Amino acid sequence: MSASQWLPALGGGMLVGLSALLLMLFNGRVAGISGILAGALQRGDAWRWLFLLGLGLGSLLAFGLGWASLPTLAGLPAWPWVVLAGLLVGIGTRLGNGCTSGHGICGVGCLSRRSIVATFVFMTTAVLTVFVSRHLL
């Protein structure tokens, strides 16, 4: 693996960690995207909307500067499957009391046992899903 493959991922991970740290330091909040989105929709806090706007604008900026590319649309499942998958992810975040960003980035960083277990479950499920879909189906 060449440096051109892993350096952008390292830089992106560092920026995600830095943004989570800054949100915790200056706002006292965990950077869990599902919680931020739910709070924005329920209470309409300006900082939540600005955080979500920054996620989108940051992605567009990275694409515009040539740091990232858009995913190809070939082979995507039909939209009903995408909607169903989104609903299942939403249900999972409610059942797990947080999403992968809240548990995986912030919770593990705070050494929360619950978040460490949740992240282990997320990652194990992801590995098994890829294995089954690529090698058994």
C-alpha atoms as a PDB file:
ATOM      1  CA  MET A   1       0.000   0.000   0.000  1.00  0.00           C
ATOM      2  CA  SER A   2       1.446   3.324  -1.040  1.00  0.00           C
ATOM      3  CA  ALA A   3       1.355   6.541   0.973  1.00  0.00           C
ATOM      4  CA  SER A   4      -1.065   8.045  -1.555  1.00  0.00           C
ATOM      5  CA  GLN A   5      -3.634   5.461  -0.466  1.00  0.00           C
ATOM      6  CA  TRP A   6      -3.479   5.753   3.313  1.00  0.00           C
ATOM      7  CA  LEU A   7      -2.436   9.371   3.866  1.00  0.00           C
ATOM      8  CA  PRO A   8      -5.816  10.871   2.880  1.00  0.00           C
ATOM      9  CA  ALA A   9      -7.584   8.404   5.195  1.00  0.00           C
ATOM     10  CA  LEU A  10      -5.217   9.303   8.017  1.00  0.00           C
ATOM     11  CA  GLY A  11      -5.775  13.016   7.431  1.00  0.00           C
ATOM     12  CA  GLY A  12      -9.539  12.562   7.304  1.00  0.00           C
ATOM     13  CA  GLY A  13      -9.526  10.539  10.493  1.00  0.00           C
ATOM     14  CA  MET A  14      -7.456  13.195  12.229  1.00  0.00           C
ATOM     15  CA  LEU A  15      -9.899  15.898  11.140  1.00  0.00           C
ATOM     16  CA  VAL A  16     -12.875  13.876  12.383  1.00  0.00           C
ATOM     17  CA  GLY A  17     -11.151  13.346  15.730  1.00  0.00           C
ATOM     18  CA  LEU A  18     -10.226  17.024  15.944  1.00  0.00           C
ATOM     19  CA  SER A  19     -13.788  18.121  15.207  1.00  0.00           C
ATOM     20  CA  ALA A  20     -15.130  15.746  17.891  1.00  0.00           C
ATOM     21  CA  LEU A  21     -12.585  17.094  20.365  1.00  0.00           C
ATOM     22  CA  LEU A  22     -13.414  20.722  19.573  1.00  0.00           C
ATOM     23  CA  LEU A  23     -17.150  20.103  19.904  1.00  0.00           C
ATOM     24  CA  MET A  24     -16.564  18.494  23.303  1.00  0.00           C
ATOM     25  CA  LEU A  25     -14.210  21.250  24.495  1.00  0.00           C
ATOM     26  CA  PHE A  26     -16.219  24.259  23.333  1.00  0.00           C
ATOM     27  CA  ASN A  27     -19.782  22.952  23.503  1.00  0.00           C
ATOM     28  CA  GLY A  28     -19.592  20.076  25.974  1.00  0.00           C
ATOM     29  CA  ARG A  29     -21.339  17.812  23.465  1.00  0.00           C
ATOM     30  CA  VAL A  30     -20.545  14.412  21.994  1.00  0.00           C
ATOM     31  CA  ALA A  31     -20.240  14.380  18.205  1.00  0.00           C
ATOM     32  CA  GLY A  32     -22.774  11.606  17.646  1.00  0.00           C
ATOM     33  CA  ILE A  33     -24.384  12.367  14.302  1.00  0.00           C
ATOM     34  CA  SER A  34     -27.688  10.607  15.041  1.00  0.00           C
ATOM     35  CA  GLY A  35     -28.094  12.566  18.278  1.00  0.00           C
ATOM     36  CA  ILE A  36     -27.146  15.829  16.593  1.00  0.00           C
ATOM     37  CA  LEU A  37     -29.632  15.193  13.764  1.00  0.00           C
ATOM     38  CA  ALA A  38     -32.415  14.186  16.179  1.00  0.00           C
ATOM     39  CA  GLY A  39     -31.786  17.301  18.269  1.00  0.00           C
ATOM     40  CA  ALA A  40     -31.772  19.515  15.183  1.00  0.00           C
ATOM     41  CA  LEU A  41     -35.106  18.117  14.032  1.00  0.00           C
ATOM     42  CA  GLN A  42     -36.713  18.254  17.494  1.00  0.00           C
ATOM     43  CA  ARG A  43     -35.312  21.454  18.986  1.00  0.00           C
ATOM     44  CA  GLY A  44     -33.783  23.255  16.038  1.00  0.00           C
ATOM     45  CA  ASP A  45     -30.594  24.322  17.868  1.00  0.00           C
ATOM     46  CA  ALA A  46     -28.495  26.471  15.552  1.00  0.00           C
ATOM     47  CA  TRP A  47     -25.215  24.764  16.449  1.00  0.00           C
ATOM     48  CA  ARG A  48     -26.670  21.380  15.413  1.00  0.00           C
ATOM     49  CA  TRP A  49     -27.752  22.688  12.012  1.00  0.00           C
ATOM     50  CA  LEU A  50     -24.380  24.344  11.513  1.00  0.00           C
ATOM     51  CA  PHE A  51     -22.564  21.108  12.418  1.00  0.00           C
ATOM     52  CA  LEU A  52     -24.662  19.166   9.886  1.00  0.00           C
ATOM     53  CA  LEU A  53     -24.151  21.873   7.265  1.00  0.00           C
ATOM     54  CA  GLY A  54     -20.407  21.649   7.879  1.00  0.00           C
ATOM     55  CA  LEU A  55     -20.481  17.914   7.211  1.00  0.00           C
ATOM     56  CA  GLY A  56     -22.019  18.452   3.812  1.00  0.00           C
ATOM     57  CA  LEU A  57     -19.950  21.489   2.881  1.00  0.00           C
ATOM     58  CA  GLY A  58     -16.745  19.782   4.008  1.00  0.00           C
ATOM     59  CA  SER A  59     -17.495  16.879   1.693  1.00  0.00           C
ATOM     60  CA  LEU A  60     -18.185  19.221  -1.220  1.00  0.00           C
ATOM     61  CA  LEU A  61     -15.000  21.157  -0.502  1.00  0.00           C
ATOM     62  CA  ALA A  62     -12.925  17.966  -0.449  1.00  0.00           C
ATOM     63  CA  PHE A  63     -14.468  16.926  -3.771  1.00  0.00           C
ATOM     64  CA  GLY A  64     -13.934  20.386  -5.282  1.00  0.00           C
ATOM     65  CA  LEU A  65     -10.263  20.416  -4.252  1.00  0.00           C
ATOM     66  CA  GLY A  66      -9.735  16.950  -5.708  1.00  0.00           C
ATOM     67  CA  TRP A  67      -9.136  15.330  -2.324  1.00  0.00           C
ATOM     68  CA  ALA A  68     -12.096  12.977  -2.704  1.00  0.00           C
ATOM     69  CA  SER A  69     -14.127  11.444  -5.485  1.00  0.00           C
ATOM     70  CA  LEU A  70     -17.814  10.739  -5.764  1.00  0.00           C
ATOM     71  CA  PRO A  71     -18.873   7.116  -5.497  1.00  0.00           C
ATOM     72  CA  THR A  72     -20.025   5.397  -8.652  1.00  0.00           C
ATOM     73  CA  LEU A  73     -23.741   4.803  -8.872  1.00  0.00           C
ATOM     74  CA  ALA A  74     -23.485   1.526 -10.780  1.00  0.00           C
ATOM     75  CA  GLY A  75     -24.694  -1.462  -8.840  1.00  0.00           C
ATOM     76  CA  LEU A  76     -26.664   0.471  -6.221  1.00  0.00           C
ATOM     77  CA  PRO A  77     -29.786  -1.328  -5.007  1.00  0.00           C
ATOM     78  CA  ALA A  78     -33.240  -0.051  -5.858  1.00  0.00           C
ATOM     79  CA  TRP A  79     -34.426   2.912  -3.775  1.00  0.00           C
ATOM     80  CA  PRO A  80     -36.880   0.875  -1.626  1.00  0.00           C
ATOM     81  CA  TRP A  81     -33.915  -1.137  -0.316  1.00  0.00           C
ATOM     82  CA  VAL A  82     -31.990   2.050   0.400  1.00  0.00           C
ATOM     83  CA  VAL A  83     -34.971   3.473   2.322  1.00  0.00           C
ATOM     84  CA  LEU A  84     -35.358   0.220   4.266  1.00  0.00           C
ATOM     85  CA  ALA A  85     -31.642   0.183   5.083  1.00  0.00           C
ATOM     86  CA  GLY A  86     -31.831   3.782   6.306  1.00  0.00           C
ATOM     87  CA  LEU A  87     -34.800   2.970   8.537  1.00  0.00           C
ATOM     88  CA  LEU A  88     -32.980  -0.043   9.989  1.00  0.00           C
ATOM     89  CA  VAL A  89     -29.918   2.103  10.701  1.00  0.00           C
ATOM     90  CA  GLY A  90     -32.157   4.649  12.440  1.00  0.00           C
ATOM     91  CA  ILE A  91     -33.780   1.941  14.546  1.00  0.00           C
ATOM     92  CA  GLY A  92     -30.344   0.538  15.391  1.00  0.00           C
ATOM     93  CA  THR A  93     -29.065   3.896  16.569  1.00  0.00           C
ATOM     94  CA  ARG A  94     -32.070   4.274  18.870  1.00  0.00           C
ATOM     95  CA  LEU A  95     -31.675   0.749  20.252  1.00  0.00           C
ATOM     96  CA  GLY A  96     -27.922   1.212  20.711  1.00  0.00           C
ATOM     97  CA  ASN A  97     -28.293   4.663  22.288  1.00  0.00           C
ATOM     98  CA  GLY A  98     -26.040   6.192  19.666  1.00  0.00           C
ATOM     99  CA  CYS A  99     -24.455   5.762  16.283  1.00  0.00           C
ATOM    100  CA  THR A 100     -21.054   4.653  15.097  1.00  0.00           C
ATOM    101  CA  SER A 101     -19.661   8.164  15.347  1.00  0.00           C
ATOM    102  CA  GLY A 102     -20.930   8.738  18.865  1.00  0.00           C
ATOM    103  CA  HIS A 103     -19.774   5.386  20.176  1.00  0.00           C
ATOM    104  CA  GLY A 104     -16.773   4.750  17.931  1.00  0.00           C
ATOM    105  CA  ILE A 105     -15.145   8.158  17.925  1.00  0.00           C
ATOM    106  CA  CYS A 106     -16.277   9.846  21.114  1.00  0.00           C
ATOM    107  CA  GLY A 107     -17.218   6.944  23.364  1.00  0.00           C
ATOM    108  CA  VAL A 108     -14.083   4.903  22.740  1.00  0.00           C
ATOM    109  CA  GLY A 109     -12.000   8.066  23.141  1.00  0.00           C
ATOM    110  CA  CYS A 110     -13.595   8.557  26.566  1.00  0.00           C
ATOM    111  CA  LEU A 111     -12.942   4.867  27.411  1.00  0.00           C
ATOM    112  CA  SER A 112     -16.656   4.168  27.835  1.00  0.00           C
ATOM    113  CA  ARG A 113     -17.140   0.407  28.268  1.00  0.00           C
ATOM    114  CA  ARG A 114     -20.572   0.578  26.649  1.00  0.00           C
ATOM    115  CA  SER A 115     -19.132   2.351  23.607  1.00  0.00           C
ATOM    116  CA  ILE A 116     -16.204  -0.055  23.332  1.00  0.00           C
ATOM    117  CA  VAL A 117     -18.628  -3.009  23.309  1.00  0.00           C
ATOM    118  CA  ALA A 118     -20.940  -1.252  20.827  1.00  0.00           C
ATOM    119  CA  THR A 119     -18.025  -0.450  18.507  1.00  0.00           C
ATOM    120  CA  PHE A 120     -16.827  -4.058  18.690  1.00  0.00           C
ATOM    121  CA  VAL A 121     -20.332  -5.201  17.700  1.00  0.00           C
ATOM    122  CA  PHE A 122     -20.481  -2.655  14.822  1.00  0.00           C
ATOM    123  CA  MET A 123     -17.120  -3.700  13.460  1.00  0.00           C
ATOM    124  CA  THR A 124     -17.750  -7.441  13.825  1.00  0.00           C
ATOM    125  CA  THR A 125     -21.097  -7.094  12.065  1.00  0.00           C
ATOM    126  CA  ALA A 126     -19.481  -5.090   9.253  1.00  0.00           C
ATOM    127  CA  VAL A 127     -16.746  -7.688   8.742  1.00  0.00           C
ATOM    128  CA  LEU A 128     -19.262 -10.540   8.707  1.00  0.00           C
ATOM    129  CA  THR A 129     -21.572  -8.662   6.321  1.00  0.00           C
ATOM    130  CA  VAL A 130     -18.763  -8.025   3.842  1.00  0.00           C
ATOM    131  CA  PHE A 131     -17.562 -11.619   4.106  1.00  0.00           C
ATOM    132  CA  VAL A 132     -21.027 -13.064   3.493  1.00  0.00           C
ATOM    133  CA  SER A 133     -21.901 -10.657   0.672  1.00  0.00           C
ATOM    134  CA  ARG A 134     -18.555 -11.052  -1.128  1.00  0.00           C
ATOM    135  CA  HIS A 135     -17.756 -14.698  -0.555  1.00  0.00           C
ATOM    136  CA  LEU A 136     -20.928 -16.625   0.245  1.00  0.00           C
ATOM    137  CA  LEU A 137     -23.619 -14.954  -1.891  1.00  0.00           C
END
